[in-house]
Amino acid sequence: MLNDTIVKLKAAGQNVYLPLSPYTLVWAASMFGGRIVVSGGNSFIGYIDG
């Protein structure tokens, strides 16, 4: 639902700003397979712990 809302807002010419947080990182990663991999090779799936 969030993705759909963002697409509709952008199509209407509105700026969309999402603050960076663990939640938004997990949401963004879910669009690309659900994983976040850091430079050291560790992989995170789901909510990031602290």
PDB file of N, CA and C in Angstrom:
ATOM      1  N   MET A   1       0.815  -1.185   0.000  1.00  0.00           N
ATOM      2  CA  MET A   1       0.000   0.000   0.000  1.00  0.00           C
ATOM      3  C   MET A   1       0.872   1.268   0.000  1.00  0.00           C
ATOM      4  N   LEU A   2       1.996   1.207   0.722  1.00  0.00           N
ATOM      5  CA  LEU A   2       2.878   2.373   0.742  1.00  0.00           C
ATOM      6  C   LEU A   2       3.445   2.647  -0.642  1.00  0.00           C
ATOM      7  N   ASN A   3       3.864   1.603  -1.333  1.00  0.00           N
ATOM      8  CA  ASN A   3       4.388   1.774  -2.692  1.00  0.00           C
ATOM      9  C   ASN A   3       3.349   2.426  -3.595  1.00  0.00           C
ATOM     10  N   ASP A   4       2.106   1.957  -3.530  1.00  0.00           N
ATOM     11  CA  ASP A   4       1.035   2.515  -4.362  1.00  0.00           C
ATOM     12  C   ASP A   4       0.799   3.993  -4.046  1.00  0.00           C
ATOM     13  N   THR A   5       0.838   4.330  -2.777  1.00  0.00           N
ATOM     14  CA  THR A   5       0.626   5.719  -2.362  1.00  0.00           C
ATOM     15  C   THR A   5       1.729   6.620  -2.899  1.00  0.00           C
ATOM     16  N   ILE A   6       2.964   6.156  -2.818  1.00  0.00           N
ATOM     17  CA  ILE A   6       4.102   6.932  -3.322  1.00  0.00           C
ATOM     18  C   ILE A   6       3.976   7.154  -4.824  1.00  0.00           C
ATOM     19  N   VAL A   7       3.622   6.116  -5.559  1.00  0.00           N
ATOM     20  CA  VAL A   7       3.459   6.233  -7.010  1.00  0.00           C
ATOM     21  C   VAL A   7       2.375   7.248  -7.341  1.00  0.00           C
ATOM     22  N   LYS A   8       1.243   7.200  -6.631  1.00  0.00           N
ATOM     23  CA  LYS A   8       0.149   8.134  -6.892  1.00  0.00           C
ATOM     24  C   LYS A   8       0.546   9.570  -6.562  1.00  0.00           C
ATOM     25  N   LEU A   9       1.256   9.768  -5.461  1.00  0.00           N
ATOM     26  CA  LEU A   9       1.693  11.116  -5.095  1.00  0.00           C
ATOM     27  C   LEU A   9       2.669  11.685  -6.120  1.00  0.00           C
ATOM     28  N   LYS A  10       3.616  10.856  -6.563  1.00  0.00           N
ATOM     29  CA  LYS A  10       4.573  11.321  -7.564  1.00  0.00           C
ATOM     30  C   LYS A  10       3.879  11.630  -8.885  1.00  0.00           C
ATOM     31  N   ALA A  11       2.907  10.806  -9.267  1.00  0.00           N
ATOM     32  CA  ALA A  11       2.165  11.040 -10.510  1.00  0.00           C
ATOM     33  C   ALA A  11       1.377  12.349 -10.442  1.00  0.00           C
ATOM     34  N   ALA A  12       0.989  12.747  -9.230  1.00  0.00           N
ATOM     35  CA  ALA A  12       0.247  13.996  -9.045  1.00  0.00           C
ATOM     36  C   ALA A  12       1.186  15.196  -8.895  1.00  0.00           C
ATOM     37  N   GLY A  13       2.491  14.956  -9.062  1.00  0.00           N
ATOM     38  CA  GLY A  13       3.455  16.043  -8.998  1.00  0.00           C
ATOM     39  C   GLY A  13       3.896  16.419  -7.597  1.00  0.00           C
ATOM     40  N   GLN A  14       3.594  15.579  -6.622  1.00  0.00           N
ATOM     41  CA  GLN A  14       3.968  15.849  -5.235  1.00  0.00           C
ATOM     42  C   GLN A  14       5.362  15.291  -4.936  1.00  0.00           C
ATOM     43  N   ASN A  15       6.087  15.988  -4.083  1.00  0.00           N
ATOM     44  CA  ASN A  15       7.362  15.463  -3.598  1.00  0.00           C
ATOM     45  C   ASN A  15       7.084  14.439  -2.512  1.00  0.00           C
ATOM     46  N   VAL A  16       7.881  13.394  -2.472  1.00  0.00           N
ATOM     47  CA  VAL A  16       7.718  12.354  -1.456  1.00  0.00           C
ATOM     48  C   VAL A  16       9.019  12.268  -0.675  1.00  0.00           C
ATOM     49  N   TYR A  17       8.917  12.394   0.638  1.00  0.00           N
ATOM     50  CA  TYR A  17      10.083  12.315   1.512  1.00  0.00           C
ATOM     51  C   TYR A  17       9.846  11.243   2.555  1.00  0.00           C
ATOM     52  N   LEU A  18      10.757  10.277   2.633  1.00  0.00           N
ATOM     53  CA  LEU A  18      10.683   9.233   3.653  1.00  0.00           C
ATOM     54  C   LEU A  18      11.945   9.326   4.510  1.00  0.00           C
ATOM     55  N   PRO A  19      11.806   9.577   5.796  1.00  0.00           N
ATOM     56  CA  PRO A  19      12.987   9.648   6.650  1.00  0.00           C
ATOM     57  C   PRO A  19      13.678   8.285   6.727  1.00  0.00           C
ATOM     58  N   LEU A  20      14.981   8.300   6.793  1.00  0.00           N
ATOM     59  CA  LEU A  20      15.750   7.067   6.879  1.00  0.00           C
ATOM     60  C   LEU A  20      15.645   6.505   8.286  1.00  0.00           C
ATOM     61  N   SER A  21      15.213   5.279   8.386  1.00  0.00           N
ATOM     62  CA  SER A  21      15.073   4.589   9.666  1.00  0.00           C
ATOM     63  C   SER A  21      15.210   3.096   9.402  1.00  0.00           C
ATOM     64  N   PRO A  22      15.346   2.295  10.440  1.00  0.00           N
ATOM     65  CA  PRO A  22      15.388   0.839  10.205  1.00  0.00           C
ATOM     66  C   PRO A  22      14.161   0.348   9.445  1.00  0.00           C
ATOM     67  N   TYR A  23      12.986   0.914   9.745  1.00  0.00           N
ATOM     68  CA  TYR A  23      11.767   0.495   9.051  1.00  0.00           C
ATOM     69  C   TYR A  23      11.857   0.778   7.557  1.00  0.00           C
ATOM     70  N   THR A  24      12.297   1.999   7.193  1.00  0.00           N
ATOM     71  CA  THR A  24      12.352   2.323   5.772  1.00  0.00           C
ATOM     72  C   THR A  24      13.429   1.527   5.063  1.00  0.00           C
ATOM     73  N   LEU A  25      14.517   1.186   5.756  1.00  0.00           N
ATOM     74  CA  LEU A  25      15.541   0.334   5.137  1.00  0.00           C
ATOM     75  C   LEU A  25      14.978  -1.049   4.827  1.00  0.00           C
ATOM     76  N   VAL A  26      14.223  -1.604   5.779  1.00  0.00           N
ATOM     77  CA  VAL A  26      13.626  -2.922   5.564  1.00  0.00           C
ATOM     78  C   VAL A  26      12.609  -2.853   4.434  1.00  0.00           C
ATOM     79  N   TRP A  27      11.802  -1.785   4.396  1.00  0.00           N
ATOM     80  CA  TRP A  27      10.814  -1.628   3.324  1.00  0.00           C
ATOM     81  C   TRP A  27      11.516  -1.549   1.967  1.00  0.00           C
ATOM     82  N   ALA A  28      12.574  -0.735   1.876  1.00  0.00           N
ATOM     83  CA  ALA A  28      13.290  -0.601   0.609  1.00  0.00           C
ATOM     84  C   ALA A  28      13.925  -1.922   0.203  1.00  0.00           C
ATOM     85  N   ALA A  29      14.497  -2.621   1.156  1.00  0.00           N
ATOM     86  CA  ALA A  29      15.121  -3.918   0.843  1.00  0.00           C
ATOM     87  C   ALA A  29      14.090  -4.934   0.390  1.00  0.00           C
ATOM     88  N   SER A  30      12.882  -4.857   0.928  1.00  0.00           N
ATOM     89  CA  SER A  30      11.855  -5.830   0.548  1.00  0.00           C
ATOM     90  C   SER A  30      11.494  -5.718  -0.928  1.00  0.00           C
ATOM     91  N   MET A  31      11.746  -4.554  -1.528  1.00  0.00           N
ATOM     92  CA  MET A  31      11.464  -4.395  -2.950  1.00  0.00           C
ATOM     93  C   MET A  31      12.536  -5.067  -3.805  1.00  0.00           C
ATOM     94  N   PHE A  32      13.655  -5.435  -3.197  1.00  0.00           N
ATOM     95  CA  PHE A  32      14.770  -6.032  -3.938  1.00  0.00           C
ATOM     96  C   PHE A  32      15.178  -7.369  -3.329  1.00  0.00           C
ATOM     97  N   GLY A  33      14.219  -8.181  -2.946  1.00  0.00           N
ATOM     98  CA  GLY A  33      14.518  -9.507  -2.437  1.00  0.00           C
ATOM     99  C   GLY A  33      14.572  -9.616  -0.932  1.00  0.00           C
ATOM    100  N   GLY A  34      14.463  -8.502  -0.225  1.00  0.00           N
ATOM    101  CA  GLY A  34      14.365  -8.567   1.222  1.00  0.00           C
ATOM    102  C   GLY A  34      15.656  -8.660   1.990  1.00  0.00           C
ATOM    103  N   ARG A  35      16.798  -8.387   1.371  1.00  0.00           N
ATOM    104  CA  ARG A  35      18.071  -8.500   2.080  1.00  0.00           C
ATOM    105  C   ARG A  35      18.856  -7.201   2.016  1.00  0.00           C
ATOM    106  N   ILE A  36      19.551  -6.928   3.100  1.00  0.00           N
ATOM    107  CA  ILE A  36      20.496  -5.829   3.142  1.00  0.00           C
ATOM    108  C   ILE A  36      21.848  -6.452   3.417  1.00  0.00           C
ATOM    109  N   VAL A  37      22.820  -6.195   2.559  1.00  0.00           N
ATOM    110  CA  VAL A  37      24.161  -6.755   2.721  1.00  0.00           C
ATOM    111  C   VAL A  37      25.132  -5.603   2.929  1.00  0.00           C
ATOM    112  N   VAL A  38      25.864  -5.651   4.031  1.00  0.00           N
ATOM    113  CA  VAL A  38      26.830  -4.599   4.332  1.00  0.00           C
ATOM    114  C   VAL A  38      28.175  -4.937   3.707  1.00  0.00           C
ATOM    115  N   SER A  39      29.074  -3.944   3.688  1.00  0.00           N
ATOM    116  CA  SER A  39      30.358  -4.120   3.004  1.00  0.00           C
ATOM    117  C   SER A  39      31.178  -5.286   3.552  1.00  0.00           C
ATOM    118  N   GLY A  40      30.996  -5.642   4.815  1.00  0.00           N
ATOM    119  CA  GLY A  40      31.725  -6.765   5.393  1.00  0.00           C
ATOM    120  C   GLY A  40      31.158  -8.116   5.010  1.00  0.00           C
ATOM    121  N   GLY A  41      30.029  -8.117   4.301  1.00  0.00           N
ATOM    122  CA  GLY A  41      29.441  -9.365   3.841  1.00  0.00           C
ATOM    123  C   GLY A  41      28.283  -9.869   4.685  1.00  0.00           C
ATOM    124  N   ASN A  42      28.037  -9.258   5.852  1.00  0.00           N
ATOM    125  CA  ASN A  42      26.902  -9.683   6.672  1.00  0.00           C
ATOM    126  C   ASN A  42      25.605  -9.349   5.949  1.00  0.00           C
ATOM    127  N   SER A  43      24.644 -10.236   6.070  1.00  0.00           N
ATOM    128  CA  SER A  43      23.360 -10.053   5.410  1.00  0.00           C
ATOM    129  C   SER A  43      22.269  -9.983   6.465  1.00  0.00           C
ATOM    130  N   PHE A  44      21.349  -9.031   6.305  1.00  0.00           N
ATOM    131  CA  PHE A  44      20.245  -8.868   7.237  1.00  0.00           C
ATOM    132  C   PHE A  44      18.943  -9.121   6.504  1.00  0.00           C
ATOM    133  N   ILE A  45      18.072  -9.884   7.139  1.00  0.00           N
ATOM    134  CA  ILE A  45      16.754 -10.157   6.568  1.00  0.00           C
ATOM    135  C   ILE A  45      15.713  -9.770   7.627  1.00  0.00           C
ATOM    136  N   GLY A  46      14.726  -9.030   7.247  1.00  0.00           N
ATOM    137  CA  GLY A  46      13.706  -8.614   8.204  1.00  0.00           C
ATOM    138  C   GLY A  46      14.143  -7.366   8.934  1.00  0.00           C
ATOM    139  N   TYR A  47      13.588  -7.159  10.097  1.00  0.00           N
ATOM    140  CA  TYR A  47      13.889  -5.943  10.840  1.00  0.00           C
ATOM    141  C   TYR A  47      15.328  -5.941  11.340  1.00  0.00           C
ATOM    142  N   ILE A  48      15.955  -4.801  11.214  1.00  0.00           N
ATOM    143  CA  ILE A  48      17.345  -4.641  11.648  1.00  0.00           C
ATOM    144  C   ILE A  48      17.343  -4.384  13.142  1.00  0.00           C
ATOM    145  N   ASP A  49      18.231  -5.060  13.857  1.00  0.00           N
ATOM    146  CA  ASP A  49      18.321  -4.917  15.297  1.00  0.00           C
ATOM    147  C   ASP A  49      19.343  -3.868  15.657  1.00  0.00           C
ATOM    148  N   GLY A  50      18.863  -2.690  16.102  1.00  0.00           N
ATOM    149  CA  GLY A  50      19.723  -1.619  16.578  1.00  0.00           C
ATOM    150  C   GLY A  50      20.844  -1.306  15.659  1.00  0.00           C
TER     151      GLY A  50
END
